Amino acid sequence: MGHRKLSSPRRGSSGLRPRKRSRELLPSPKSWPSVEINSPIPLGFVGYKAGMTHIFAIDDRPSSPTQGKEIFVPVTIVETPPLIPLAIRGYGMDGKGELQAITEYWISPPKELPLLRKINSFRYNESRSKQALDQLSSNLSKILALRIVAATQPRAIPALGKKKPEIVEIQIGGGDIKSQLEYGLNLLGKPLEVKDVLKEGQLIDIIGVSKGKGFQGAIKRFGVMELPRWHKHRKGSRKVGTRGPSPGTPSYTPQPGQLGYFRRTEFNKRILKISNEVSEINPRGGFVNYGLVRGWYLMIEGSVIGTKRRPIFMRYPIRPTWQPKSVPQITYVSTLSKQGVGA
């Protein structure tokens, strides 16, 4: 009788479980970095993935073997229409040592935003807003964090085919609580551009939802080795050999289930360019399955999570690996489409 080995490597990262569908299309950050700057600034922004292209740029990474040379870089274009801040929310510490919202101050939604049930459920009135503002000002000593509640403007992107904006919460960093409150109140109701939040050359974390692949088996979901097809099995080869642990070596057995549409965070992606000169990046006929970029956009080094037209949250880096000191020098941007039309 042949020997059956009693141990095998773990399949899949235990840090990514449970492997289930994301609860929301645009996830909110669970933690925020602390930035050492004197003036207050929002620590995040929202954009919509348009597509990919490639550029040539001068490598400015320290200790890189190609430092100072022209290199090929794949990039992702993310369109970023302005956000409309609608409220400011103060957080303090509760009895369990966790952050809890103390109060929030809302304004009346601007006319350019469609009426939303999420906004209208607050039933904005002037007296209630005045009480909330007084409560925010009087409880500054108890407030540990201030966040703005902002709405996106998907109407500015015809390719999305929707009007209802996403509602996101963005923490304000830098300065003290008093200056953050004044800054947040000044933002309410005014368009917030991406150039006022993020800078060229800096690192960001991208939080989004991956491509959905539906219900898949253990072979594709966990990379389990397929059983030999010519002998030693009766009921199929694309399955795990056993669902029970071996004696003395309990382990997780790979099972079929949902694959993709997971909430994931990509750390330390670099912004190569922030611009509204759309003629520099738009291919002839537009990006496939998206169309033409019409406003402000980000050029991010490498790939970005999710499908085209999917919203992604861009946050200041929570654990940066290095601090870029210059803006990358781009020498060429490809505008060739997949159909081979362009220049």
Protein backbone atom coordinates (compact mmCIF):
# COMPACT_ATOMS: atom_id res chain seq x y z
CA MET A 1 0.00 0.00 0.00
CA GLY A 2 1.38 3.36 -0.99
CA HIS A 3 2.24 5.97 1.59
CA ARG A 4 -0.20 8.86 1.99
CA LYS A 5 1.50 12.03 3.17
CA LEU A 6 -0.09 13.44 6.31
CA SER A 7 0.55 17.14 5.72
CA SER A 8 0.10 19.65 2.94
CA PRO A 9 0.64 23.41 2.58
CA ARG A 10 -2.21 25.73 3.50
CA ARG A 11 -4.22 26.92 0.51
CA GLY A 12 -5.13 30.59 0.43
CA SER A 13 -4.29 33.31 2.92
CA SER A 14 -6.17 33.11 6.22
CA GLY A 15 -5.95 36.89 6.44
CA LEU A 16 -8.35 37.22 3.49
CA ARG A 17 -11.14 35.11 4.93
CA PRO A 18 -14.10 35.05 4.85
CA ARG A 19 -14.13 34.94 1.05
CA LYS A 20 -17.54 36.45 0.51
CA ARG A 21 -19.04 39.21 -1.58
CA SER A 22 -18.44 42.79 -0.50
CA ARG A 23 -21.37 44.44 1.24
CA GLU A 24 -20.95 47.67 -0.72
CA LEU A 25 -19.62 48.73 -4.10
CA LEU A 26 -17.52 51.56 -2.65
CA PRO A 27 -15.96 50.44 0.67
CA SER A 28 -15.03 53.00 3.31
CA PRO A 29 -11.59 52.91 4.98
CA LYS A 30 -11.50 51.18 8.35
CA SER A 31 -8.48 53.18 9.53
CA TRP A 32 -6.85 56.50 8.70
CA PRO A 33 -3.19 57.63 8.74
CA SER A 34 -1.83 60.44 10.86
CA VAL A 35 -0.21 63.12 8.69
CA GLU A 36 2.34 65.65 9.93
CA ILE A 37 1.25 68.83 8.16
CA ASN A 38 0.24 72.18 9.61
CA SER A 39 -2.84 72.91 7.49
CA PRO A 40 -5.96 70.68 7.49
CA ILE A 41 -6.65 68.55 4.43
CA PRO A 42 -9.02 65.67 3.54
CA LEU A 43 -7.22 62.34 3.64
CA GLY A 44 -9.00 60.73 0.71
CA PHE A 45 -10.83 61.09 -2.57
CA VAL A 46 -13.07 59.02 -4.85
CA GLY A 47 -12.58 58.31 -8.55
CA TYR A 48 -13.85 56.03 -11.31
CA LYS A 49 -11.57 53.65 -13.16
CA ALA A 50 -11.40 54.46 -16.89
CA GLY A 51 -8.78 52.09 -18.29
CA MET A 52 -5.06 51.47 -18.81
CA THR A 53 -2.35 52.72 -21.11
CA HIS A 54 1.44 52.99 -20.95
CA ILE A 55 4.00 55.76 -20.72
CA PHE A 56 7.74 56.31 -20.81
CA ALA A 57 9.19 58.16 -17.81
CA ILE A 58 12.52 58.91 -16.15
CA ASP A 59 13.03 56.53 -13.22
CA ASP A 60 13.48 58.58 -10.03
CA ARG A 61 13.24 55.77 -7.49
CA PRO A 62 16.21 55.74 -5.09
CA SER A 63 18.64 52.82 -5.35
CA SER A 64 16.87 51.56 -8.48
CA PRO A 65 19.12 49.83 -11.05
CA THR A 66 17.54 52.02 -13.76
CA GLN A 67 17.62 55.29 -11.81
CA GLY A 68 17.90 58.28 -14.15
CA LYS A 69 17.03 56.21 -17.22
CA GLU A 70 13.90 56.19 -19.36
CA ILE A 71 11.69 53.20 -18.55
CA PHE A 72 8.39 51.74 -19.73
CA VAL A 73 5.58 52.10 -17.14
CA PRO A 74 2.02 50.71 -17.38
CA VAL A 75 -0.48 53.18 -15.89
CA THR A 76 -4.17 53.33 -14.97
CA ILE A 77 -6.34 56.37 -15.66
CA VAL A 78 -8.87 57.25 -12.92
CA GLU A 79 -11.39 60.02 -13.63
CA THR A 80 -12.12 62.18 -10.59
CA PRO A 81 -15.14 64.50 -10.82
CA PRO A 82 -15.44 66.98 -7.91
CA LEU A 83 -16.95 65.87 -4.60
CA ILE A 84 -19.68 67.89 -2.87
CA PRO A 85 -19.26 67.93 0.95
CA LEU A 86 -22.69 67.82 2.61
CA ALA A 87 -21.96 67.38 6.31
CA ILE A 88 -19.26 67.34 8.97
CA ARG A 89 -19.26 64.68 11.67
CA GLY A 90 -17.40 64.69 14.98
CA TYR A 91 -16.13 61.50 16.66
CA GLY A 92 -15.29 60.96 20.31
CA MET A 93 -14.40 58.01 22.54
CA ASP A 94 -17.18 55.87 24.01
CA GLY A 95 -17.10 53.70 27.14
CA LYS A 96 -15.55 50.76 25.26
CA GLY A 97 -12.62 52.80 23.98
CA GLU A 98 -13.95 52.98 20.41
CA LEU A 99 -14.74 55.99 18.23
CA GLN A 100 -18.39 57.00 18.27
CA ALA A 101 -20.13 59.84 16.43
CA ILE A 102 -21.01 62.68 18.82
CA THR A 103 -22.93 64.91 16.46
CA GLU A 104 -23.08 65.94 12.82
CA TYR A 105 -23.88 69.17 11.02
CA TRP A 106 -25.65 68.94 7.64
CA ILE A 107 -26.41 71.53 5.01
CA SER A 108 -29.20 71.58 2.47
CA PRO A 109 -28.21 69.52 -0.63
CA PRO A 110 -27.17 71.73 -3.58
CA LYS A 111 -29.46 71.93 -6.61
CA GLU A 112 -27.02 70.14 -8.89
CA LEU A 113 -27.36 66.96 -6.83
CA PRO A 114 -30.46 64.80 -7.39
CA LEU A 115 -32.75 64.24 -4.42
CA LEU A 116 -31.56 61.22 -2.49
CA ARG A 117 -33.38 59.19 0.10
CA LYS A 118 -30.17 58.96 2.12
CA ILE A 119 -29.94 62.75 2.31
CA ASN A 120 -33.63 63.49 2.61
CA SER A 121 -34.04 60.98 5.45
CA PHE A 122 -32.19 63.47 7.65
CA ARG A 123 -35.04 65.95 7.07
CA TYR A 124 -32.83 69.00 7.06
CA ASN A 125 -34.17 72.03 8.90
CA GLU A 126 -32.44 75.18 10.01
CA SER A 127 -33.08 74.91 13.77
CA ARG A 128 -31.74 71.36 14.01
CA SER A 129 -28.62 72.27 12.03
CA LYS A 130 -27.97 75.26 14.29
CA GLN A 131 -28.16 73.03 17.38
CA ALA A 132 -25.76 70.54 15.81
CA LEU A 133 -23.29 73.30 14.94
CA ASP A 134 -23.41 74.66 18.51
CA GLN A 135 -22.86 71.14 19.85
CA LEU A 136 -19.81 70.68 17.61
CA SER A 137 -18.28 73.98 18.74
CA SER A 138 -18.92 73.34 22.45
CA ASN A 139 -17.52 69.76 22.44
CA LEU A 140 -14.16 70.38 20.78
CA SER A 141 -12.34 69.01 23.82
CA LYS A 142 -14.14 65.65 23.44
CA ILE A 143 -13.75 65.35 19.66
CA LEU A 144 -10.85 63.16 18.52
CA ALA A 145 -11.55 63.11 14.78
CA LEU A 146 -13.56 65.14 12.28
CA ARG A 147 -14.84 63.71 9.02
CA ILE A 148 -16.73 65.23 6.12
CA VAL A 149 -19.62 63.41 4.45
CA ALA A 150 -19.41 64.02 0.71
CA ALA A 151 -21.34 62.99 -2.40
CA THR A 152 -19.82 62.01 -5.74
CA GLN A 153 -21.09 63.35 -9.07
CA PRO A 154 -21.57 60.39 -11.45
CA ARG A 155 -23.67 62.60 -13.73
CA ALA A 156 -20.41 64.21 -14.89
CA ILE A 157 -19.37 60.86 -16.45
CA PRO A 158 -21.87 59.74 -19.13
CA ALA A 159 -20.18 56.32 -19.40
CA LEU A 160 -21.37 55.36 -15.91
CA GLY A 161 -25.02 55.50 -16.90
CA LYS A 162 -26.26 56.45 -13.44
CA LYS A 163 -27.34 59.57 -11.58
CA LYS A 164 -27.41 58.52 -7.94
CA PRO A 165 -24.16 59.55 -6.22
CA GLU A 166 -22.22 57.55 -3.66
CA ILE A 167 -22.03 58.94 -0.13
CA VAL A 168 -18.55 58.70 1.42
CA GLU A 169 -16.95 59.73 4.70
CA ILE A 170 -13.48 61.31 4.57
CA GLN A 171 -11.40 62.16 7.63
CA ILE A 172 -9.70 65.53 7.94
CA GLY A 173 -6.02 65.43 8.90
CA GLY A 174 -3.37 68.00 9.79
CA GLY A 175 -3.56 70.96 12.18
CA ASP A 176 -5.61 70.90 15.39
CA ILE A 177 -9.30 70.12 15.92
CA LYS A 178 -10.33 73.80 15.89
CA SER A 179 -8.65 74.51 12.55
CA GLN A 180 -10.05 71.26 11.14
CA LEU A 181 -13.59 72.32 12.12
CA GLU A 182 -13.18 75.72 10.46
CA TYR A 183 -11.75 74.10 7.35
CA GLY A 184 -14.54 71.49 7.17
CA LEU A 185 -17.30 74.09 7.60
CA ASN A 186 -15.76 76.15 4.81
CA LEU A 187 -15.86 73.14 2.46
CA LEU A 188 -19.57 72.39 2.84
CA GLY A 189 -21.59 72.85 -0.33
CA LYS A 190 -18.56 73.73 -2.49
CA PRO A 191 -16.99 71.49 -5.14
CA LEU A 192 -13.86 69.75 -3.83
CA GLU A 193 -11.33 69.10 -6.61
CA VAL A 194 -8.81 66.29 -6.56
CA LYS A 195 -5.91 68.72 -7.03
CA ASP A 196 -6.79 70.27 -3.65
CA VAL A 197 -6.48 66.90 -1.88
CA LEU A 198 -3.80 64.81 -3.61
CA LYS A 199 -0.43 65.76 -5.14
CA GLU A 200 1.59 64.50 -8.08
CA GLY A 201 4.28 62.01 -7.15
CA GLN A 202 2.80 60.97 -3.79
CA LEU A 203 1.86 57.48 -2.67
CA ILE A 204 -1.75 56.47 -1.98
CA ASP A 205 -3.68 53.41 -0.83
CA ILE A 206 -6.52 52.22 -3.07
CA ILE A 207 -9.57 50.60 -1.49
CA GLY A 208 -12.08 48.94 -3.78
CA VAL A 209 -13.90 45.80 -4.85
CA SER A 210 -12.24 43.25 -7.13
CA LYS A 211 -13.71 41.74 -10.27
CA GLY A 212 -16.48 39.22 -9.56
CA LYS A 213 -16.12 35.70 -10.95
CA GLY A 214 -19.16 34.07 -9.35
CA PHE A 215 -19.32 30.59 -7.82
CA GLN A 216 -16.14 28.64 -8.56
CA GLY A 217 -14.66 25.31 -7.54
CA ALA A 218 -11.72 24.61 -5.28
CA ILE A 219 -9.28 24.25 -8.22
CA LYS A 220 -9.75 27.83 -9.44
CA ARG A 221 -10.58 29.34 -6.04
CA PHE A 222 -7.60 28.01 -4.07
CA GLY A 223 -5.25 26.58 -6.69
CA VAL A 224 -5.63 22.99 -5.47
CA MET A 225 -3.89 20.43 -7.67
CA GLU A 226 -6.21 18.57 -10.00
CA LEU A 227 -6.47 14.81 -9.43
CA PRO A 228 -5.03 12.55 -12.14
CA ARG A 229 -7.60 11.96 -14.82
CA TRP A 230 -6.56 8.46 -15.86
CA HIS A 231 -6.96 6.54 -12.58
CA LYS A 232 -7.44 6.70 -8.81
CA HIS A 233 -10.74 8.63 -8.85
CA ARG A 234 -14.36 7.92 -9.65
CA LYS A 235 -16.36 11.14 -9.24
CA GLY A 236 -14.32 13.78 -11.01
CA SER A 237 -10.81 15.18 -10.91
CA ARG A 238 -11.46 18.89 -10.20
CA LYS A 239 -12.08 18.51 -6.48
CA VAL A 240 -10.20 18.08 -3.21
CA GLY A 241 -9.16 14.62 -2.25
CA THR A 242 -10.66 14.71 1.25
CA ARG A 243 -12.76 17.11 3.29
CA GLY A 244 -11.55 15.87 6.64
CA PRO A 245 -8.19 16.67 8.28
CA SER A 246 -5.49 14.07 8.49
CA PRO A 247 -4.82 12.56 11.96
CA GLY A 248 -3.00 15.03 14.15
CA THR A 249 -2.84 17.77 11.47
CA PRO A 250 -6.12 19.72 11.46
CA SER A 251 -6.31 22.25 8.64
CA TYR A 252 -8.78 24.20 6.57
CA THR A 253 -10.14 22.26 3.62
CA PRO A 254 -10.56 24.27 0.40
CA GLN A 255 -14.21 24.43 -0.57
CA PRO A 256 -16.05 25.81 -3.61
CA GLY A 257 -17.77 29.16 -3.26
CA GLN A 258 -17.71 32.84 -4.20
CA LEU A 259 -14.63 34.04 -6.07
CA GLY A 260 -14.04 37.73 -6.67
CA TYR A 261 -16.08 40.81 -5.79
CA PHE A 262 -13.99 41.01 -2.62
CA ARG A 263 -13.09 44.14 -0.68
CA ARG A 264 -9.35 44.64 -1.01
CA THR A 265 -6.75 47.34 -0.27
CA GLU A 266 -3.74 48.03 -2.50
CA PHE A 267 -0.96 49.80 -0.60
CA ASN A 268 1.50 52.42 -1.87
CA LYS A 269 0.36 53.08 -5.42
CA ARG A 270 2.05 56.16 -6.87
CA ILE A 271 0.32 59.09 -8.57
CA LEU A 272 2.32 60.02 -11.65
CA LYS A 273 0.14 62.86 -12.90
CA ILE A 274 -2.91 64.96 -11.97
CA SER A 275 -4.37 66.96 -14.85
CA ASN A 276 -7.46 68.02 -16.79
CA GLU A 277 -5.70 68.03 -20.18
CA VAL A 278 -7.72 65.09 -21.48
CA SER A 279 -6.27 65.30 -24.99
CA GLU A 280 -2.99 63.95 -23.62
CA ILE A 281 -4.42 60.60 -22.53
CA ASN A 282 -7.66 59.99 -24.47
CA PRO A 283 -7.28 57.40 -27.25
CA ARG A 284 -9.18 57.97 -30.47
CA GLY A 285 -12.71 56.73 -29.78
CA GLY A 286 -12.15 56.65 -26.02
CA PHE A 287 -11.22 53.89 -23.61
CA VAL A 288 -12.81 50.53 -24.35
CA ASN A 289 -15.99 49.97 -22.30
CA TYR A 290 -15.67 53.46 -20.85
CA GLY A 291 -15.42 56.23 -23.42
CA LEU A 292 -13.71 59.58 -23.23
CA VAL A 293 -12.32 61.11 -20.05
CA ARG A 294 -13.89 64.58 -19.77
CA GLY A 295 -12.53 66.18 -16.60
CA TRP A 296 -9.81 65.90 -13.95
CA TYR A 297 -8.02 62.58 -13.84
CA LEU A 298 -5.22 60.73 -12.05
CA MET A 299 -2.51 58.70 -13.74
CA ILE A 300 -1.59 55.91 -11.31
CA GLU A 301 1.42 53.67 -11.74
CA GLY A 302 0.52 50.03 -12.40
CA SER A 303 -2.85 48.35 -12.30
CA VAL A 304 -5.82 49.24 -10.10
CA ILE A 305 -8.31 46.89 -8.51
CA GLY A 306 -11.76 46.37 -10.03
CA THR A 307 -13.44 46.63 -13.39
CA LYS A 308 -13.78 49.70 -15.57
CA ARG A 309 -16.32 52.31 -14.38
CA ARG A 310 -16.04 51.02 -10.81
CA PRO A 311 -15.64 53.60 -8.01
CA ILE A 312 -12.45 53.37 -5.96
CA PHE A 313 -11.45 55.14 -2.76
CA MET A 314 -7.98 56.72 -2.71
CA ARG A 315 -6.55 57.33 0.77
CA TYR A 316 -3.30 58.82 2.03
CA PRO A 317 -0.81 55.96 2.63
CA ILE A 318 -1.12 54.37 6.05
CA ARG A 319 2.31 52.65 5.88
CA PRO A 320 4.40 54.26 3.12
CA THR A 321 7.48 52.38 1.99
CA TRP A 322 9.29 55.55 0.81
CA GLN A 323 8.66 59.27 0.45
CA PRO A 324 8.92 60.54 -3.14
CA LYS A 325 10.69 63.90 -3.21
CA SER A 326 10.01 64.89 -6.81
CA VAL A 327 7.38 64.74 -9.53
CA PRO A 328 8.11 62.03 -12.11
CA GLN A 329 9.21 63.27 -15.53
CA ILE A 330 6.98 61.75 -18.23
CA THR A 331 8.46 61.71 -21.74
CA TYR A 332 5.73 59.89 -23.71
CA VAL A 333 2.08 58.88 -23.19
CA SER A 334 0.53 56.27 -25.49
CA THR A 335 -2.89 57.10 -26.95
CA LEU A 336 -3.19 53.87 -28.94
CA SER A 337 -6.47 52.07 -28.40
CA LYS A 338 -6.92 48.31 -28.41
CA GLN A 339 -8.18 48.59 -31.96
CA GLY A 340 -4.80 50.06 -32.96
CA VAL A 341 -6.22 53.49 -33.80
CA GLY A 342 -4.40 56.56 -32.55
CA ALA A 343 -0.97 58.05 -32.39
